[in-house]
Amino acid sequence: MSKQINNKKTAATDNDKALLFDSALSSSFSHTQFDALIELFNGTAEGIFVLNEQGGFEFANPKAAQLLGYSQQSLIGENLLSFLHGSDLDKYKQTLLNWIGIKDTPLSIGPNEVAINKANGDVIEADLSISSMPKSITSAQKLYVCILHDLSTHKAMYNRLKIQASTDHLTGLANRLALDESLKKYWQESIQSQQPLTSILIDVDHFKKFNDTYGHIKGDKCLQKIAKMLLQCIPSRECLAARYGGEEFAIILPRCDIKTATVVANHIQQQIAQMSFTDLGLPPEVKITVSQGIACENNNQYRTYEALLYAADTALYRAKTEGRNKISTIV
């Protein structure tokens, strides 16, 4: 009696549409060995399936069927290429075509990251490995065993950790690490393209007094309101707003000259002057101000990106010593 994907009988209509996995195995491969192989594959937590040399499914274990969104039996006769997404389709199509013409040579590919189309239209990211099955257990037909490892959960976790690692927890802006990395990148682009790069450092005036008077919880809410406003003030998504530390913020403006940066700084100053804290339960007369320092890299004025940031800090210090609530520029 012929053995099937799930080691049970299938209807004649299924036999018409599918090749049976065991019929492709060598006659020297016993039924006992076949049963053990199926039991091993079916009990594996990774998706395992077997392809013929045209890329058609000869076998799929429960995990592979789950990942692809099909039943085990409905996969038989389907082609791997129909599940591959985007550029992966062309890549593996060419691979399978090349393999057909190669004789008596064990072949393997992967693991490679691929995008897989599921039955419900979702796309999952997975690692796919394909290897020739030994001739000792196959008949004249070439068979390839494939391992499919779902990366979706790991990818989602990695992306969350990546965002967390580059984001200031309180304000949601870029943190100091992301600021340094972005500034390095923008600096190199500025030097290579001979385009300006401007930095603005912003400090909340007398913020300690605000905290001491209204409490640190409301102080945190104040910083969050400022952060939200800064994101609205930057002129493009290529610009970066970051928390520099404490009550200090930084704005990085690639390809923006000193005049553009001054317009941005004036807009920030105006928005700060209009800011109300009545939503925090504070009286309408409670106001804050900020001091800002601006420096611009143009025509190799500064040797390093740290020097540019230091210049903006020097300008900020000048704005504070001149009475605060001011914008100071180093040209």
Protein backbone atom coordinates (compact mmCIF):
# COMPACT_ATOMS: atom_id res chain seq x y z
CA MET A 1 0.00 0.00 0.00
CA SER A 2 1.33 3.39 -0.98
CA LYS A 3 2.27 5.73 1.87
CA GLN A 4 1.13 9.39 1.68
CA ILE A 5 2.25 12.76 3.07
CA ASN A 6 0.43 12.16 6.33
CA ASN A 7 1.13 8.43 6.16
CA LYS A 8 -2.53 7.75 5.33
CA LYS A 9 -4.42 6.80 2.16
CA THR A 10 -5.38 9.60 -0.23
CA ALA A 11 -8.22 9.70 -2.67
CA ALA A 12 -7.70 8.88 -6.35
CA THR A 13 -8.18 12.52 -7.25
CA ASP A 14 -5.28 13.42 -4.99
CA ASN A 15 -3.13 10.75 -6.64
CA ASP A 16 -3.91 12.35 -9.99
CA LYS A 17 -2.65 15.76 -8.88
CA ALA A 18 0.30 14.78 -6.69
CA LEU A 19 3.44 12.73 -6.83
CA LEU A 20 3.81 10.45 -3.84
CA PHE A 21 6.90 11.04 -1.78
CA ASP A 22 7.67 7.38 -1.27
CA SER A 23 7.47 6.61 -4.99
CA ALA A 24 10.42 8.89 -5.51
CA LEU A 25 12.58 7.04 -3.00
CA SER A 26 15.02 4.29 -3.81
CA SER A 27 13.67 0.74 -3.66
CA SER A 28 16.47 0.01 -1.20
CA PHE A 29 14.79 2.44 1.22
CA SER A 30 12.48 0.24 3.30
CA HIS A 31 8.99 1.04 4.52
CA THR A 32 10.32 1.07 8.07
CA GLN A 33 12.95 3.62 7.14
CA PHE A 34 10.33 5.66 5.30
CA ASP A 35 8.03 5.67 8.33
CA ALA A 36 10.92 6.76 10.57
CA LEU A 37 11.82 9.57 8.17
CA ILE A 38 8.23 10.83 8.04
CA GLU A 39 7.97 10.65 11.84
CA LEU A 40 11.19 12.62 12.17
CA PHE A 41 10.09 15.30 9.71
CA ASN A 42 6.60 15.60 11.16
CA GLY A 43 7.91 16.00 14.69
CA THR A 44 10.40 18.73 13.80
CA ALA A 45 9.67 22.29 14.93
CA GLU A 46 11.13 23.70 11.70
CA GLY A 47 9.28 23.71 8.39
CA ILE A 48 10.58 20.81 6.27
CA PHE A 49 9.49 19.97 2.74
CA VAL A 50 10.83 17.99 -0.19
CA LEU A 51 10.95 19.34 -3.75
CA ASN A 52 11.43 17.60 -7.07
CA GLU A 53 13.83 19.10 -9.60
CA GLN A 54 11.11 21.34 -11.06
CA GLY A 55 10.47 22.87 -7.65
CA GLY A 56 7.25 20.95 -7.02
CA PHE A 57 6.29 19.85 -3.51
CA GLU A 58 6.57 16.09 -2.88
CA PHE A 59 6.25 16.33 0.89
CA ALA A 60 5.57 18.97 3.55
CA ASN A 61 5.59 18.49 7.31
CA PRO A 62 2.94 20.12 9.55
CA LYS A 63 5.16 23.08 10.43
CA ALA A 64 5.87 23.89 6.77
CA ALA A 65 2.15 23.70 6.00
CA GLN A 66 1.42 26.01 8.94
CA LEU A 67 4.02 28.57 7.83
CA LEU A 68 2.68 28.61 4.28
CA GLY A 69 -0.95 28.62 5.38
CA TYR A 70 -1.99 25.44 3.53
CA SER A 71 -2.84 21.89 4.52
CA GLN A 72 -0.08 19.33 4.04
CA GLN A 73 -1.93 17.53 1.25
CA SER A 74 -2.91 20.68 -0.66
CA LEU A 75 0.76 21.62 -1.00
CA ILE A 76 1.58 18.49 -2.99
CA GLY A 77 1.99 19.39 -6.64
CA GLU A 78 2.31 23.11 -5.88
CA ASN A 79 5.56 24.82 -6.86
CA LEU A 80 7.88 26.60 -4.45
CA LEU A 81 8.20 29.52 -6.87
CA SER A 82 4.56 30.44 -6.39
CA PHE A 83 5.28 31.13 -2.70
CA LEU A 84 8.36 33.32 -3.18
CA HIS A 85 7.93 37.08 -3.00
CA GLY A 86 9.56 39.81 -5.07
CA SER A 87 13.20 39.42 -6.07
CA ASP A 88 13.43 36.03 -4.31
CA LEU A 89 11.22 34.57 -7.05
CA ASP A 90 13.69 35.39 -9.84
CA LYS A 91 16.66 34.29 -7.75
CA TYR A 92 15.34 30.81 -6.94
CA LYS A 93 13.79 30.33 -10.37
CA GLN A 94 17.23 30.70 -11.92
CA THR A 95 18.74 28.43 -9.27
CA LEU A 96 16.28 25.63 -9.99
CA LEU A 97 16.80 25.95 -13.75
CA ASN A 98 20.55 25.68 -13.28
CA TRP A 99 20.24 22.65 -11.03
CA ILE A 100 18.19 20.67 -13.55
CA GLY A 101 21.16 20.44 -15.92
CA ILE A 102 23.72 19.39 -13.30
CA LYS A 103 24.33 15.64 -12.98
CA ASP A 104 25.67 13.60 -10.06
CA THR A 105 26.74 16.59 -7.96
CA PRO A 106 25.29 17.24 -4.48
CA LEU A 107 23.97 20.79 -4.35
CA SER A 108 22.93 23.10 -1.57
CA ILE A 109 21.94 26.73 -1.15
CA GLY A 110 21.35 28.80 1.96
CA PRO A 111 20.32 29.47 4.49
CA ASN A 112 19.19 32.67 2.79
CA GLU A 113 16.60 35.13 3.99
CA VAL A 114 13.50 35.10 1.77
CA ALA A 115 10.03 36.64 1.76
CA ILE A 116 7.27 34.02 1.59
CA ASN A 117 3.70 34.58 0.37
CA LYS A 118 1.17 32.87 2.64
CA ALA A 119 -2.20 31.58 1.53
CA ASN A 120 -4.01 34.48 3.26
CA GLY A 121 -1.93 37.11 1.47
CA ASP A 122 0.43 37.83 4.36
CA VAL A 123 4.17 37.91 3.72
CA ILE A 124 6.55 36.36 6.24
CA GLU A 125 10.33 36.59 6.45
CA ALA A 126 12.14 33.27 6.74
CA ASP A 127 15.48 31.52 6.31
CA LEU A 128 15.39 28.95 3.52
CA SER A 129 17.92 26.15 2.97
CA ILE A 130 17.77 23.72 0.04
CA SER A 131 20.00 20.65 -0.24
CA SER A 132 20.13 17.61 -2.51
CA MET A 133 18.87 14.42 -0.91
CA PRO A 134 21.48 11.61 -1.06
CA LYS A 135 21.20 9.35 -4.09
CA SER A 136 21.27 6.38 -1.74
CA ILE A 137 17.69 7.12 -0.65
CA THR A 138 16.25 8.53 -3.89
CA SER A 139 15.31 6.92 -7.18
CA ALA A 140 16.28 8.30 -10.58
CA GLN A 141 14.40 11.52 -9.78
CA LYS A 142 16.32 14.31 -8.06
CA LEU A 143 14.87 15.40 -4.74
CA TYR A 144 15.77 18.34 -2.54
CA VAL A 145 15.08 18.67 1.16
CA CYS A 146 14.28 22.20 2.32
CA ILE A 147 14.27 23.74 5.78
CA LEU A 148 12.14 26.85 6.38
CA HIS A 149 12.81 28.81 9.58
CA ASP A 150 10.32 31.55 10.42
CA LEU A 151 12.07 34.84 11.20
CA SER A 152 8.95 36.96 11.75
CA THR A 153 9.04 36.92 15.55
CA HIS A 154 12.79 37.45 15.69
CA LYS A 155 12.60 40.24 13.11
CA ALA A 156 9.81 42.00 15.00
CA MET A 157 11.75 41.71 18.26
CA TYR A 158 14.96 42.91 16.59
CA ASN A 159 13.18 45.92 15.10
CA ARG A 160 11.64 46.79 18.47
CA LEU A 161 15.03 46.54 20.18
CA LYS A 162 16.64 48.58 17.42
CA ILE A 163 14.08 51.34 17.86
CA GLN A 164 14.43 51.21 21.64
CA ALA A 165 18.22 51.41 21.38
CA SER A 166 18.04 54.60 19.31
CA THR A 167 15.11 56.32 21.02
CA ASP A 168 14.96 58.45 24.13
CA HIS A 169 12.46 56.71 26.39
CA LEU A 170 10.92 59.87 27.85
CA THR A 171 10.48 62.07 24.79
CA GLY A 172 10.38 59.61 21.89
CA LEU A 173 13.05 61.62 20.07
CA ALA A 174 16.36 60.18 18.90
CA ASN A 175 18.73 59.55 21.81
CA ARG A 176 22.37 60.58 22.12
CA LEU A 177 23.62 57.42 20.41
CA ALA A 178 21.33 57.95 17.40
CA LEU A 179 22.36 61.61 17.31
CA ASP A 180 26.05 60.73 17.15
CA GLU A 181 25.53 58.09 14.45
CA SER A 182 23.32 60.34 12.33
CA LEU A 183 25.69 63.28 12.71
CA LYS A 184 28.60 61.13 11.51
CA LYS A 185 26.62 60.08 8.44
CA TYR A 186 25.43 63.61 7.65
CA TRP A 187 28.95 64.92 8.19
CA GLN A 188 30.42 62.58 5.59
CA GLU A 189 27.66 63.46 3.14
CA SER A 190 28.28 67.15 3.75
CA ILE A 191 32.03 66.88 3.11
CA GLN A 192 31.57 64.77 -0.02
CA SER A 193 28.79 66.86 -1.55
CA GLN A 194 30.07 70.22 -0.33
CA GLN A 195 26.61 70.95 1.05
CA PRO A 196 26.05 72.76 4.36
CA LEU A 197 25.23 70.95 7.60
CA THR A 198 23.77 72.89 10.50
CA SER A 199 23.28 71.98 14.14
CA ILE A 200 21.07 73.72 16.70
CA LEU A 201 21.43 73.08 20.44
CA ILE A 202 18.45 74.06 22.59
CA ASP A 203 18.33 74.42 26.37
CA VAL A 204 15.20 75.01 28.46
CA ASP A 205 15.81 78.11 30.57
CA HIS A 206 15.59 77.72 34.38
CA PHE A 207 14.22 74.19 34.05
CA LYS A 208 15.42 73.23 37.53
CA LYS A 209 13.15 75.93 38.93
CA PHE A 210 10.24 74.51 36.90
CA ASN A 211 10.91 71.04 38.37
CA ASP A 212 11.32 72.34 41.90
CA THR A 213 8.11 74.37 41.67
CA TYR A 214 5.77 71.97 39.86
CA GLY A 215 7.42 68.59 40.40
CA HIS A 216 9.41 66.23 38.23
CA ILE A 217 6.34 64.49 36.78
CA LYS A 218 5.10 67.76 35.28
CA GLY A 219 8.70 68.53 34.32
CA ASP A 220 8.77 65.30 32.30
CA LYS A 221 5.45 66.23 30.67
CA CYS A 222 6.94 69.61 29.79
CA LEU A 223 9.88 67.95 28.02
CA GLN A 224 7.48 65.69 26.14
CA LYS A 225 5.49 68.69 24.92
CA ILE A 226 8.69 70.37 23.74
CA ALA A 227 9.79 67.20 21.94
CA LYS A 228 6.48 66.97 20.09
CA MET A 229 6.75 70.60 19.07
CA LEU A 230 10.34 70.15 17.79
CA LEU A 231 9.23 67.35 15.49
CA GLN A 232 6.63 69.69 14.02
CA CYS A 233 9.23 72.44 13.49
CA ILE A 234 11.92 70.53 11.61
CA PRO A 235 11.61 71.23 7.86
CA SER A 236 11.90 67.66 6.48
CA ARG A 237 12.00 64.02 7.54
CA GLU A 238 15.74 63.95 6.74
CA CYS A 239 16.33 66.34 9.63
CA LEU A 240 16.85 64.94 13.11
CA ALA A 241 15.47 66.04 16.46
CA ALA A 242 17.18 64.45 19.46
CA ARG A 243 17.35 64.73 23.21
CA TYR A 244 20.90 65.80 23.91
CA GLY A 245 20.67 65.29 27.65
CA GLY A 246 18.56 66.51 30.58
CA GLU A 247 16.62 69.52 29.33
CA GLU A 248 18.82 69.98 26.25
CA PHE A 249 17.79 69.10 22.71
CA ALA A 250 19.59 69.01 19.37
CA ILE A 251 18.39 69.62 15.83
CA ILE A 252 20.48 68.44 12.86
CA LEU A 253 19.68 70.04 9.51
CA PRO A 254 21.46 68.40 6.53
CA ARG A 255 21.81 70.59 3.42
CA CYS A 256 20.48 73.60 5.34
CA ASP A 257 22.48 76.81 5.59
CA ILE A 258 22.63 79.25 8.47
CA LYS A 259 19.68 81.30 7.17
CA THR A 260 17.41 78.26 7.01
CA ALA A 261 18.52 77.17 10.48
CA THR A 262 17.76 80.63 11.85
CA VAL A 263 14.24 80.44 10.42
CA VAL A 264 13.79 77.05 12.14
CA ALA A 265 15.15 78.40 15.43
CA ASN A 266 12.84 81.45 15.30
CA HIS A 267 9.88 79.14 14.65
CA ILE A 268 10.85 77.08 17.69
CA GLN A 269 11.13 80.25 19.77
CA GLN A 270 7.65 81.35 18.69
CA GLN A 271 6.09 77.97 19.43
CA ILE A 272 7.71 77.88 22.87
CA ALA A 273 6.30 81.35 23.66
CA GLN A 274 2.78 80.11 22.78
CA MET A 275 3.06 76.91 24.76
CA SER A 276 0.48 76.43 27.50
CA PHE A 277 0.57 74.01 30.41
CA THR A 278 -3.06 74.20 31.44
CA ASP A 279 -3.45 70.61 30.23
CA LEU A 280 -1.01 69.68 33.01
CA GLY A 281 -3.15 71.45 35.58
CA LEU A 282 -0.90 74.53 35.75
CA PRO A 283 -2.11 78.15 35.64
CA PRO A 284 -2.24 79.81 32.17
CA GLU A 285 0.46 82.30 33.19
CA VAL A 286 3.06 79.52 33.53
CA LYS A 287 5.48 79.88 30.61
CA ILE A 288 8.93 78.65 29.64
CA THR A 289 11.64 79.95 27.36
CA VAL A 290 14.59 78.35 25.60
CA SER A 291 18.06 79.45 24.56
CA GLN A 292 19.48 78.24 21.25
CA GLY A 293 22.92 77.99 19.69
CA ILE A 294 23.47 77.53 15.95
CA ALA A 295 26.58 76.46 14.05
CA CYS A 296 26.95 75.58 10.38
CA GLU A 297 29.52 73.49 8.55
CA ASN A 298 30.17 75.01 5.14
CA ASN A 299 33.28 74.84 2.95
CA ASN A 300 35.21 72.68 5.47
CA GLN A 301 34.90 75.23 8.23
CA TYR A 302 35.14 72.53 10.90
CA ARG A 303 37.46 69.55 10.87
CA THR A 304 35.12 67.09 12.61
CA TYR A 305 31.45 66.68 13.39
CA GLU A 306 32.34 66.96 17.10
CA ALA A 307 33.81 70.40 16.38
CA LEU A 308 30.53 71.43 14.74
CA LEU A 309 28.57 70.33 17.79
CA TYR A 310 31.05 72.08 20.08
CA ALA A 311 30.56 75.29 18.10
CA ALA A 312 26.79 75.05 18.53
CA ASP A 313 27.33 74.49 22.26
CA THR A 314 29.53 77.58 22.41
CA ALA A 315 26.79 79.59 20.71
CA LEU A 316 24.24 78.19 23.18
CA TYR A 317 26.42 79.25 26.11
CA ARG A 318 26.60 82.74 24.64
CA ALA A 319 22.80 82.92 24.33
CA LYS A 320 22.45 81.93 27.98
CA THR A 321 25.06 84.43 29.25
CA GLU A 322 23.38 87.21 27.26
CA GLY A 323 20.18 86.78 29.25
CA ARG A 324 18.55 83.59 27.93
CA ASN A 325 15.49 83.32 25.67
CA LYS A 326 17.83 84.21 22.81
CA ILE A 327 19.28 82.68 19.64
CA SER A 328 23.03 82.93 19.12
CA THR A 329 24.82 82.00 15.90
CA ILE A 330 28.43 81.18 15.13
CA VAL A 331 29.14 82.04 11.50
